[in-house]
PDB file of N, CA and C in Angstrom:
ATOM      1  N   MET A   1    -175.442-151.740 -83.581  1.00  0.00           N
ATOM      2  CA  MET A   1    -176.319-151.116 -82.829  1.00  0.00           C
ATOM      3  C   MET A   1    -175.077-150.511 -82.020  1.00  0.00           C
ATOM      4  N   SER A   2    -175.871-149.101 -81.768  1.00  0.00           N
ATOM      5  CA  SER A   2    -175.121-148.109 -80.581  1.00  0.00           C
ATOM      6  C   SER A   2    -175.242-148.717 -79.231  1.00  0.00           C
ATOM      7  N   GLU A   3    -174.426-148.394 -78.180  1.00  0.00           N
ATOM      8  CA  GLU A   3    -174.344-148.691 -76.954  1.00  0.00           C
ATOM      9  C   GLU A   3    -175.429-148.411 -76.222  1.00  0.00           C
ATOM     10  N   ASP A   4    -175.938-146.884 -76.625  1.00  0.00           N
ATOM     11  CA  ASP A   4    -177.143-146.503 -75.954  1.00  0.00           C
ATOM     12  C   ASP A   4    -178.417-147.233 -76.685  1.00  0.00           C
ATOM     13  N   THR A   5    -178.306-147.726 -77.721  1.00  0.00           N
ATOM     14  CA  THR A   5    -179.478-148.625 -78.309  1.00  0.00           C
ATOM     15  C   THR A   5    -179.586-149.942 -77.571  1.00  0.00           C
ATOM     16  N   ASN A   6    -178.435-150.502 -77.456  1.00  0.00           N
ATOM     17  CA  ASN A   6    -178.303-151.636 -76.645  1.00  0.00           C
ATOM     18  C   ASN A   6    -178.846-151.613 -75.206  1.00  0.00           C
ATOM     19  N   GLN A   7    -178.626-150.561 -74.760  1.00  0.00           N
ATOM     20  CA  GLN A   7    -178.888-150.011 -73.403  1.00  0.00           C
ATOM     21  C   GLN A   7    -180.320-150.006 -73.227  1.00  0.00           C
ATOM     22  N   GLU A   8    -180.965-149.194 -74.219  1.00  0.00           N
ATOM     23  CA  GLU A   8    -182.324-149.014 -74.360  1.00  0.00           C
ATOM     24  C   GLU A   8    -183.241-150.255 -74.420  1.00  0.00           C
ATOM     25  N   LEU A   9    -182.499-151.269 -75.255  1.00  0.00           N
ATOM     26  CA  LEU A   9    -183.009-152.460 -75.342  1.00  0.00           C
ATOM     27  C   LEU A   9    -183.323-153.405 -74.398  1.00  0.00           C
ATOM     28  N   ALA A  10    -182.102-153.636 -73.753  1.00  0.00           N
ATOM     29  CA  ALA A  10    -182.091-154.312 -72.506  1.00  0.00           C
ATOM     30  C   ALA A  10    -182.687-153.807 -71.432  1.00  0.00           C
ATOM     31  N   THR A  11    -183.252-152.213 -71.212  1.00  0.00           N
ATOM     32  CA  THR A  11    -184.153-151.679 -70.353  1.00  0.00           C
ATOM     33  C   THR A  11    -185.695-152.134 -70.746  1.00  0.00           C
ATOM     34  N   LEU A  12    -185.787-152.001 -71.936  1.00  0.00           N
ATOM     35  CA  LEU A  12    -187.385-152.460 -72.148  1.00  0.00           C
ATOM     36  C   LEU A  12    -187.322-153.785 -72.016  1.00  0.00           C
ATOM     37  N   ALA A  13    -186.361-154.801 -72.395  1.00  0.00           N
ATOM     38  CA  ALA A  13    -186.545-156.069 -72.059  1.00  0.00           C
ATOM     39  C   ALA A  13    -186.864-156.526 -70.581  1.00  0.00           C
ATOM     40  N   GLY A  14    -186.178-155.714 -69.746  1.00  0.00           N
ATOM     41  CA  GLY A  14    -186.405-156.018 -68.276  1.00  0.00           C
ATOM     42  C   GLY A  14    -187.601-155.404 -67.825  1.00  0.00           C
ATOM     43  N   ARG A  15    -187.956-154.272 -68.365  1.00  0.00           N
ATOM     44  CA  ARG A  15    -189.536-153.817 -68.133  1.00  0.00           C
ATOM     45  C   ARG A  15    -190.665-154.829 -68.734  1.00  0.00           C
ATOM     46  N   PHE A  16    -190.392-155.427 -69.689  1.00  0.00           N
ATOM     47  CA  PHE A  16    -191.205-156.444 -70.225  1.00  0.00           C
ATOM     48  C   PHE A  16    -191.333-157.630 -69.401  1.00  0.00           C
ATOM     49  N   ALA A  17    -190.086-158.069 -68.791  1.00  0.00           N
ATOM     50  CA  ALA A  17    -190.064-159.379 -68.368  1.00  0.00           C
ATOM     51  C   ALA A  17    -190.986-159.365 -66.595  1.00  0.00           C
ATOM     52  N   VAL A  18    -190.831-158.124 -66.282  1.00  0.00           N
ATOM     53  CA  VAL A  18    -191.662-157.647 -65.134  1.00  0.00           C
ATOM     54  C   VAL A  18    -192.953-157.638 -65.276  1.00  0.00           C
ATOM     55  N   LEU A  19    -193.147-156.873 -66.251  1.00  0.00           N
ATOM     56  CA  LEU A  19    -194.941-156.826 -66.671  1.00  0.00           C
ATOM     57  C   LEU A  19    -195.696-158.063 -67.146  1.00  0.00           C
ATOM     58  N   ASN A  20    -194.609-158.848 -67.523  1.00  0.00           N
ATOM     59  CA  ASN A  20    -195.037-160.225 -68.175  1.00  0.00           C
ATOM     60  C   ASN A  20    -195.398-160.990 -66.602  1.00  0.00           C
ATOM     61  N   GLU A  21    -194.722-161.086 -65.888  1.00  0.00           N
ATOM     62  CA  GLU A  21    -194.915-161.682 -64.427  1.00  0.00           C
ATOM     63  C   GLU A  21    -196.047-161.018 -63.802  1.00  0.00           C
ATOM     64  N   VAL A  22    -196.383-159.663 -63.854  1.00  0.00           N
ATOM     65  CA  VAL A  22    -197.727-159.357 -63.202  1.00  0.00           C
ATOM     66  C   VAL A  22    -198.815-159.469 -63.969  1.00  0.00           C
ATOM     67  N   VAL A  23    -198.599-159.766 -65.342  1.00  0.00           N
ATOM     68  CA  VAL A  23    -199.917-160.220 -66.164  1.00  0.00           C
ATOM     69  C   VAL A  23    -200.123-161.641 -65.742  1.00  0.00           C
ATOM     70  N   ILE A  24    -199.064-162.400 -65.768  1.00  0.00           N
ATOM     71  CA  ILE A  24    -199.641-163.926 -65.129  1.00  0.00           C
ATOM     72  C   ILE A  24    -199.945-164.174 -63.932  1.00  0.00           C
ATOM     73  N   ALA A  25    -199.620-163.159 -63.039  1.00  0.00           N
ATOM     74  CA  ALA A  25    -199.986-163.477 -61.485  1.00  0.00           C
ATOM     75  C   ALA A  25    -201.579-163.085 -61.520  1.00  0.00           C
ATOM     76  N   MET A  26    -201.893-161.879 -62.447  1.00  0.00           N
ATOM     77  CA  MET A  26    -203.184-161.480 -62.107  1.00  0.00           C
ATOM     78  C   MET A  26    -203.929-162.522 -63.025  1.00  0.00           C
ATOM     79  N   LEU A  27    -203.645-163.112 -64.151  1.00  0.00           N
ATOM     80  CA  LEU A  27    -204.430-163.984 -64.670  1.00  0.00           C
ATOM     81  C   LEU A  27    -204.647-165.227 -63.896  1.00  0.00           C
ATOM     82  N   ALA A  28    -203.756-165.710 -63.246  1.00  0.00           N
ATOM     83  CA  ALA A  28    -203.836-166.735 -62.151  1.00  0.00           C
ATOM     84  C   ALA A  28    -204.834-166.633 -61.009  1.00  0.00           C
ATOM     85  N   ALA A  29    -204.901-165.106 -60.842  1.00  0.00           N
ATOM     86  CA  ALA A  29    -205.840-164.863 -59.631  1.00  0.00           C
ATOM     87  C   ALA A  29    -207.424-164.678 -59.851  1.00  0.00           C
ATOM     88  N   LEU A  30    -207.534-164.637 -61.563  1.00  0.00           N
ATOM     89  CA  LEU A  30    -208.753-164.328 -61.981  1.00  0.00           C
ATOM     90  C   LEU A  30    -209.917-165.594 -61.828  1.00  0.00           C
ATOM     91  N   PRO A  31    -211.011-165.458 -61.710  1.00  0.00           N
ATOM     92  CA  PRO A  31    -211.874-166.529 -61.777  1.00  0.00           C
ATOM     93  C   PRO A  31    -212.270-166.984 -62.801  1.00  0.00           C
ATOM     94  N   ASN A  32    -212.097-165.957 -63.863  1.00  0.00           N
ATOM     95  CA  ASN A  32    -212.400-166.185 -65.192  1.00  0.00           C
ATOM     96  C   ASN A  32    -211.291-166.127 -66.353  1.00  0.00           C
ATOM     97  N   ARG A  33    -210.056-166.451 -65.701  1.00  0.00           N
ATOM     98  CA  ARG A  33    -208.968-166.264 -66.223  1.00  0.00           C
ATOM     99  C   ARG A  33    -208.648-166.843 -67.755  1.00  0.00           C
ATOM    100  N   ASP A  34    -209.476-167.970 -67.876  1.00  0.00           N
ATOM    101  CA  ASP A  34    -209.570-168.696 -69.166  1.00  0.00           C
ATOM    102  C   ASP A  34    -209.904-167.827 -70.398  1.00  0.00           C
ATOM    103  N   SER A  35    -211.424-167.062 -70.175  1.00  0.00           N
ATOM    104  CA  SER A  35    -211.634-166.352 -71.032  1.00  0.00           C
ATOM    105  C   SER A  35    -211.000-165.056 -71.126  1.00  0.00           C
ATOM    106  N   VAL A  36    -210.633-164.598 -70.295  1.00  0.00           N
ATOM    107  CA  VAL A  36    -209.623-163.271 -70.408  1.00  0.00           C
ATOM    108  C   VAL A  36    -208.275-163.652 -71.262  1.00  0.00           C
ATOM    109  N   LEU A  37    -207.830-164.750 -71.160  1.00  0.00           N
ATOM    110  CA  LEU A  37    -206.805-165.264 -71.876  1.00  0.00           C
ATOM    111  C   LEU A  37    -206.756-165.375 -73.085  1.00  0.00           C
ATOM    112  N   ARG A  38    -207.944-166.297 -73.442  1.00  0.00           N
ATOM    113  CA  ARG A  38    -208.413-166.275 -74.767  1.00  0.00           C
ATOM    114  C   ARG A  38    -208.784-165.155 -75.739  1.00  0.00           C
ATOM    115  N   LEU A  39    -209.277-163.860 -74.738  1.00  0.00           N
ATOM    116  CA  LEU A  39    -209.394-162.575 -75.466  1.00  0.00           C
ATOM    117  C   LEU A  39    -207.823-162.206 -75.661  1.00  0.00           C
ATOM    118  N   ALA A  40    -207.126-162.127 -74.708  1.00  0.00           N
ATOM    119  CA  ALA A  40    -205.863-161.496 -75.069  1.00  0.00           C
ATOM    120  C   ALA A  40    -205.117-162.115 -76.128  1.00  0.00           C
ATOM    121  N   MET A  41    -205.008-163.511 -76.263  1.00  0.00           N
ATOM    122  CA  MET A  41    -204.522-164.198 -77.282  1.00  0.00           C
ATOM    123  C   MET A  41    -205.276-163.787 -78.625  1.00  0.00           C
ATOM    124  N   ARG A  42    -206.441-163.627 -78.802  1.00  0.00           N
ATOM    125  CA  ARG A  42    -206.922-163.187 -79.760  1.00  0.00           C
ATOM    126  C   ARG A  42    -206.584-161.983 -80.088  1.00  0.00           C
ATOM    127  N   ASN A  43    -206.503-161.120 -79.284  1.00  0.00           N
ATOM    128  CA  ASN A  43    -205.960-159.368 -79.655  1.00  0.00           C
ATOM    129  C   ASN A  43    -204.756-159.609 -80.318  1.00  0.00           C
ATOM    130  N   ALA A  44    -203.880-160.548 -79.549  1.00  0.00           N
ATOM    131  CA  ALA A  44    -202.494-160.375 -79.900  1.00  0.00           C
ATOM    132  C   ALA A  44    -202.458-160.869 -81.489  1.00  0.00           C
ATOM    133  N   GLN A  45    -203.101-162.139 -81.748  1.00  0.00           N
ATOM    134  CA  GLN A  45    -203.268-162.531 -83.018  1.00  0.00           C
ATOM    135  C   GLN A  45    -203.709-161.217 -83.884  1.00  0.00           C
ATOM    136  N   GLY A  46    -204.472-160.627 -83.714  1.00  0.00           N
ATOM    137  CA  GLY A  46    -205.167-159.731 -84.580  1.00  0.00           C
ATOM    138  C   GLY A  46    -204.265-158.689 -84.676  1.00  0.00           C
ATOM    139  N   LEU A  47    -203.594-158.218 -83.715  1.00  0.00           N
ATOM    140  CA  LEU A  47    -202.376-157.399 -83.743  1.00  0.00           C
ATOM    141  C   LEU A  47    -201.391-157.708 -84.680  1.00  0.00           C
ATOM    142  N   ARG A  48    -200.713-158.894 -84.771  1.00  0.00           N
ATOM    143  CA  ARG A  48    -199.803-159.375 -85.665  1.00  0.00           C
ATOM    144  C   ARG A  48    -200.501-159.425 -87.106  1.00  0.00           C
ATOM    145  N   GLU A  49    -201.640-160.049 -87.204  1.00  0.00           N
ATOM    146  CA  GLU A  49    -202.066-159.777 -88.773  1.00  0.00           C
ATOM    147  C   GLU A  49    -202.296-158.401 -89.240  1.00  0.00           C
ATOM    148  N   ALA A  50    -202.656-157.813 -88.374  1.00  0.00           N
ATOM    149  CA  ALA A  50    -202.641-156.303 -88.765  1.00  0.00           C
ATOM    150  C   ALA A  50    -201.311-155.649 -89.136  1.00  0.00           C
ATOM    151  N   ALA A  51    -200.513-156.076 -88.523  1.00  0.00           N
ATOM    152  CA  ALA A  51    -198.969-155.887 -88.849  1.00  0.00           C
ATOM    153  C   ALA A  51    -198.622-156.442 -89.946  1.00  0.00           C
ATOM    154  N   LEU A  52    -198.780-157.513 -90.347  1.00  0.00           N
ATOM    155  CA  LEU A  52    -198.570-158.239 -91.543  1.00  0.00           C
ATOM    156  C   LEU A  52    -199.070-157.569 -92.905  1.00  0.00           C
ATOM    157  N   ASP A  53    -200.330-157.036 -92.586  1.00  0.00           N
ATOM    158  CA  ASP A  53    -201.239-156.390 -93.654  1.00  0.00           C
ATOM    159  C   ASP A  53    -200.837-155.082 -93.890  1.00  0.00           C
ATOM    160  N   GLY A  54    -200.020-154.232 -92.995  1.00  0.00           N
ATOM    161  CA  GLY A  54    -199.338-153.058 -92.839  1.00  0.00           C
ATOM    162  C   GLY A  54    -200.200-151.984 -92.699  1.00  0.00           C
ATOM    163  N   ASP A  55    -201.386-152.720 -91.586  1.00  0.00           N
ATOM    164  CA  ASP A  55    -202.368-151.472 -91.521  1.00  0.00           C
ATOM    165  C   ASP A  55    -201.712-150.509 -90.053  1.00  0.00           C
ATOM    166  N   HIS A  56    -200.721-151.395 -89.307  1.00  0.00           N
ATOM    167  CA  HIS A  56    -200.511-150.335 -88.140  1.00  0.00           C
ATOM    168  C   HIS A  56    -198.934-150.520 -88.136  1.00  0.00           C
ATOM    169  N   THR A  57    -198.324-150.903 -89.165  1.00  0.00           N
ATOM    170  CA  THR A  57    -196.775-150.597 -89.068  1.00  0.00           C
ATOM    171  C   THR A  57    -196.012-149.291 -88.748  1.00  0.00           C
ATOM    172  N   ARG A  58    -196.948-148.504 -88.976  1.00  0.00           N
ATOM    173  CA  ARG A  58    -196.093-147.186 -88.673  1.00  0.00           C
ATOM    174  C   ARG A  58    -196.843-146.480 -87.428  1.00  0.00           C
ATOM    175  N   SER A  59    -197.436-147.099 -86.666  1.00  0.00           N
ATOM    176  CA  SER A  59    -198.302-146.497 -85.718  1.00  0.00           C
ATOM    177  C   SER A  59    -197.807-146.970 -84.287  1.00  0.00           C
ATOM    178  N   TRP A  60    -198.324-146.345 -83.186  1.00  0.00           N
ATOM    179  CA  TRP A  60    -197.575-146.597 -82.165  1.00  0.00           C
ATOM    180  C   TRP A  60    -198.281-148.116 -81.423  1.00  0.00           C
ATOM    181  N   VAL A  61    -199.425-148.512 -82.203  1.00  0.00           N
ATOM    182  CA  VAL A  61    -199.970-149.795 -81.790  1.00  0.00           C
ATOM    183  C   VAL A  61    -198.643-150.786 -82.066  1.00  0.00           C
ATOM    184  N   VAL A  62    -198.040-150.906 -83.143  1.00  0.00           N
ATOM    185  CA  VAL A  62    -197.243-152.016 -83.162  1.00  0.00           C
ATOM    186  C   VAL A  62    -195.867-151.434 -82.840  1.00  0.00           C
ATOM    187  N   GLY A  63    -195.710-149.997 -83.337  1.00  0.00           N
ATOM    188  CA  GLY A  63    -194.142-149.553 -82.977  1.00  0.00           C
ATOM    189  C   GLY A  63    -192.865-149.999 -83.747  1.00  0.00           C
ATOM    190  N   VAL A  64    -193.193-150.395 -84.969  1.00  0.00           N
ATOM    191  CA  VAL A  64    -192.314-150.974 -86.015  1.00  0.00           C
ATOM    192  C   VAL A  64    -192.512-150.042 -87.570  1.00  0.00           C
ATOM    193  N   ASP A  65    -191.414-150.150 -88.076  1.00  0.00           N
ATOM    194  CA  ASP A  65    -191.559-149.765 -89.333  1.00  0.00           C
ATOM    195  C   ASP A  65    -190.956-150.542 -90.144  1.00  0.00           C
ATOM    196  N   ALA A  66    -192.007-151.333 -91.175  1.00  0.00           N
ATOM    197  CA  ALA A  66    -191.480-152.533 -92.108  1.00  0.00           C
ATOM    198  C   ALA A  66    -190.746-151.993 -93.025  1.00  0.00           C
ATOM    199  N   GLN A  67    -190.575-150.659 -93.322  1.00  0.00           N
ATOM    200  CA  GLN A  67    -189.545-150.136 -94.388  1.00  0.00           C
ATOM    201  C   GLN A  67    -188.125-150.277 -93.742  1.00  0.00           C
ATOM    202  N   ASP A  68    -187.893-150.321 -92.598  1.00  0.00           N
ATOM    203  CA  ASP A  68    -186.702-150.430 -91.925  1.00  0.00           C
ATOM    204  C   ASP A  68    -186.122-151.691 -91.581  1.00  0.00           C
ATOM    205  N   GLY A  69    -186.919-152.484 -91.810  1.00  0.00           N
ATOM    206  CA  GLY A  69    -186.513-154.021 -91.902  1.00  0.00           C
ATOM    207  C   GLY A  69    -186.929-154.417 -90.254  1.00  0.00           C
ATOM    208  N   ASP A  70    -187.833-153.732 -89.333  1.00  0.00           N
ATOM    209  CA  ASP A  70    -188.000-153.835 -87.884  1.00  0.00           C
ATOM    210  C   ASP A  70    -189.005-155.145 -87.676  1.00  0.00           C
ATOM    211  N   LEU A  71    -189.900-154.939 -89.151  1.00  0.00           N
ATOM    212  CA  LEU A  71    -190.830-156.136 -88.573  1.00  0.00           C
ATOM    213  C   LEU A  71    -190.633-157.404 -88.609  1.00  0.00           C
ATOM    214  N   THR A  72    -189.505-158.192 -88.948  1.00  0.00           N
ATOM    215  CA  THR A  72    -189.372-159.692 -88.735  1.00  0.00           C
ATOM    216  C   THR A  72    -188.725-159.951 -87.374  1.00  0.00           C
ATOM    217  N   PRO A  73    -187.917-158.826 -86.550  1.00  0.00           N
ATOM    218  CA  PRO A  73    -187.740-159.252 -85.234  1.00  0.00           C
ATOM    219  C   PRO A  73    -188.924-159.288 -84.507  1.00  0.00           C
ATOM    220  N   TRP A  74    -189.845-158.124 -84.866  1.00  0.00           N
ATOM    221  CA  TRP A  74    -190.950-157.841 -83.875  1.00  0.00           C
ATOM    222  C   TRP A  74    -191.959-158.832 -84.244  1.00  0.00           C
ATOM    223  N   LEU A  75    -192.030-159.439 -85.057  1.00  0.00           N
ATOM    224  CA  LEU A  75    -192.984-160.867 -85.514  1.00  0.00           C
ATOM    225  C   LEU A  75    -192.403-162.011 -84.669  1.00  0.00           C
ATOM    226  N   ALA A  76    -191.088-162.009 -84.411  1.00  0.00           N
ATOM    227  CA  ALA A  76    -190.652-163.199 -83.575  1.00  0.00           C
ATOM    228  C   ALA A  76    -190.642-163.161 -82.371  1.00  0.00           C
ATOM    229  N   GLY A  77    -190.692-161.826 -81.702  1.00  0.00           N
ATOM    230  CA  GLY A  77    -190.958-161.591 -80.620  1.00  0.00           C
ATOM    231  C   GLY A  77    -192.590-161.666 -80.217  1.00  0.00           C
ATOM    232  N   VAL A  78    -193.581-161.266 -80.866  1.00  0.00           N
ATOM    233  CA  VAL A  78    -194.837-161.440 -80.924  1.00  0.00           C
ATOM    234  C   VAL A  78    -195.053-163.144 -81.004  1.00  0.00           C
ATOM    235  N   ASP A  79    -194.563-163.803 -81.800  1.00  0.00           N
ATOM    236  CA  ASP A  79    -194.767-165.148 -81.930  1.00  0.00           C
ATOM    237  C   ASP A  79    -194.405-165.977 -80.692  1.00  0.00           C
ATOM    238  N   VAL A  80    -192.973-165.513 -79.857  1.00  0.00           N
ATOM    239  CA  VAL A  80    -192.618-166.176 -78.565  1.00  0.00           C
ATOM    240  C   VAL A  80    -193.562-165.797 -77.647  1.00  0.00           C
ATOM    241  N   GLU A  81    -194.171-164.975 -77.538  1.00  0.00           N
ATOM    242  CA  GLU A  81    -195.124-164.208 -76.612  1.00  0.00           C
ATOM    243  C   GLU A  81    -196.360-164.894 -76.743  1.00  0.00           C
ATOM    244  N   ILE A  82    -197.053-164.948 -77.885  1.00  0.00           N
ATOM    245  CA  ILE A  82    -198.465-165.883 -78.378  1.00  0.00           C
ATOM    246  C   ILE A  82    -198.094-167.265 -77.790  1.00  0.00           C
ATOM    247  N   ASN A  83    -196.920-167.819 -78.305  1.00  0.00           N
ATOM    248  CA  ASN A  83    -196.609-169.284 -77.814  1.00  0.00           C
ATOM    249  C   ASN A  83    -196.641-169.474 -76.557  1.00  0.00           C
ATOM    250  N   ALA A  84    -196.103-168.500 -75.490  1.00  0.00           N
ATOM    251  CA  ALA A  84    -196.037-168.448 -74.021  1.00  0.00           C
ATOM    252  C   ALA A  84    -197.187-168.467 -73.691  1.00  0.00           C
ATOM    253  N   TYR A  85    -197.973-167.734 -73.956  1.00  0.00           N
ATOM    254  CA  TYR A  85    -199.527-167.594 -73.524  1.00  0.00           C
ATOM    255  C   TYR A  85    -200.545-168.978 -73.615  1.00  0.00           C
ATOM    256  N   GLN A  86    -200.127-169.348 -74.934  1.00  0.00           N
ATOM    257  CA  GLN A  86    -200.827-170.874 -75.398  1.00  0.00           C
ATOM    258  C   GLN A  86    -200.480-171.675 -74.569  1.00  0.00           C
ATOM    259  N   SER A  87    -199.189-172.037 -74.152  1.00  0.00           N
ATOM    260  CA  SER A  87    -198.709-172.844 -73.053  1.00  0.00           C
ATOM    261  C   SER A  87    -199.345-172.376 -71.793  1.00  0.00           C
ATOM    262  N   LEU A  88    -199.277-171.181 -71.421  1.00  0.00           N
ATOM    263  CA  LEU A  88    -200.005-171.189 -70.051  1.00  0.00           C
ATOM    264  C   LEU A  88    -201.580-171.092 -69.765  1.00  0.00           C
ATOM    265  N   ALA A  89    -202.032-171.177 -71.224  1.00  0.00           N
ATOM    266  CA  ALA A  89    -203.230-171.650 -71.206  1.00  0.00           C
ATOM    267  C   ALA A  89    -203.664-172.752 -71.118  1.00  0.00           C
ATOM    268  N   ALA A  90    -202.749-173.782 -71.762  1.00  0.00           N
ATOM    269  CA  ALA A  90    -202.837-175.141 -71.618  1.00  0.00           C
ATOM    270  C   ALA A  90    -202.591-175.648 -70.287  1.00  0.00           C
ATOM    271  N   HIS A  91    -201.733-175.098 -69.647  1.00  0.00           N
ATOM    272  CA  HIS A  91    -201.380-175.168 -67.979  1.00  0.00           C
ATOM    273  C   HIS A  91    -202.632-174.931 -67.130  1.00  0.00           C
ATOM    274  N   PHE A  92    -203.309-173.619 -67.324  1.00  0.00           N
ATOM    275  CA  PHE A  92    -204.324-173.484 -66.734  1.00  0.00           C
ATOM    276  C   PHE A  92    -205.605-174.638 -66.982  1.00  0.00           C
ATOM    277  N   ALA A  93    -205.548-175.099 -68.144  1.00  0.00           N
ATOM    278  CA  ALA A  93    -206.627-176.133 -68.404  1.00  0.00           C
ATOM    279  C   ALA A  93    -206.238-177.268 -67.622  1.00  0.00           C
ATOM    280  N   THR A  94    -205.227-177.896 -67.814  1.00  0.00           N
ATOM    281  CA  THR A  94    -204.915-178.999 -66.994  1.00  0.00           C
ATOM    282  C   THR A  94    -205.153-179.016 -65.570  1.00  0.00           C
ATOM    283  N   LYS A  95    -204.764-177.873 -64.864  1.00  0.00           N
ATOM    284  CA  LYS A  95    -204.965-177.446 -63.378  1.00  0.00           C
ATOM    285  C   LYS A  95    -206.361-177.569 -63.078  1.00  0.00           C
ATOM    286  N   ARG A  96    -207.219-177.058 -64.080  1.00  0.00           N
ATOM    287  CA  ARG A  96    -208.740-177.122 -63.798  1.00  0.00           C
ATOM    288  C   ARG A  96    -209.452-178.286 -63.859  1.00  0.00           C
ATOM    289  N   LYS A  97    -208.980-179.355 -64.524  1.00  0.00           N
ATOM    290  CA  LYS A  97    -209.857-180.583 -64.800  1.00  0.00           C
ATOM    291  C   LYS A  97    -209.410-181.630 -63.374  1.00  0.00           C
ATOM    292  N   PRO A  98    -210.916-181.832 -63.124  1.00  0.00           N
ATOM    293  CA  PRO A  98    -210.708-182.650 -61.727  1.00  0.00           C
ATOM    294  C   PRO A  98    -209.673-183.746 -61.816  1.00  0.00           C
ATOM    295  N   GLN A  99    -208.987-184.029 -60.937  1.00  0.00           N
ATOM    296  CA  GLN A  99    -208.330-185.393 -60.510  1.00  0.00           C
ATOM    297  C   GLN A  99    -209.017-186.505 -60.067  1.00  0.00           C
ATOM    298  N   PRO A 100    -208.736-187.693 -60.948  1.00  0.00           N
ATOM    299  CA  PRO A 100    -209.252-188.808 -60.787  1.00  0.00           C
ATOM    300  C   PRO A 100    -209.048-189.864 -59.220  1.00  0.00           C
TER     301      PRO A 100
END
């Protein structure tokens, strides 16, 4: 990869990290955060499945081109994020349970 490409990827990773923190803070503040988080994870799974089916691989929705080999790293990133939000949902669920 060129230096420009590496810098662009680093910039996107930084922007994503900040966005992720904002989303987590907003979810934590919502009274119905569990249903919002479930909807977001359902949508993320749908996006992942659409990419695997090839429905969106050339669109802005996914932003990858399976022909160029971009889909595998994209899917790895999607899986990491879905797992992170599943962990967050489990954390919210344990905090909601009344203490004995």
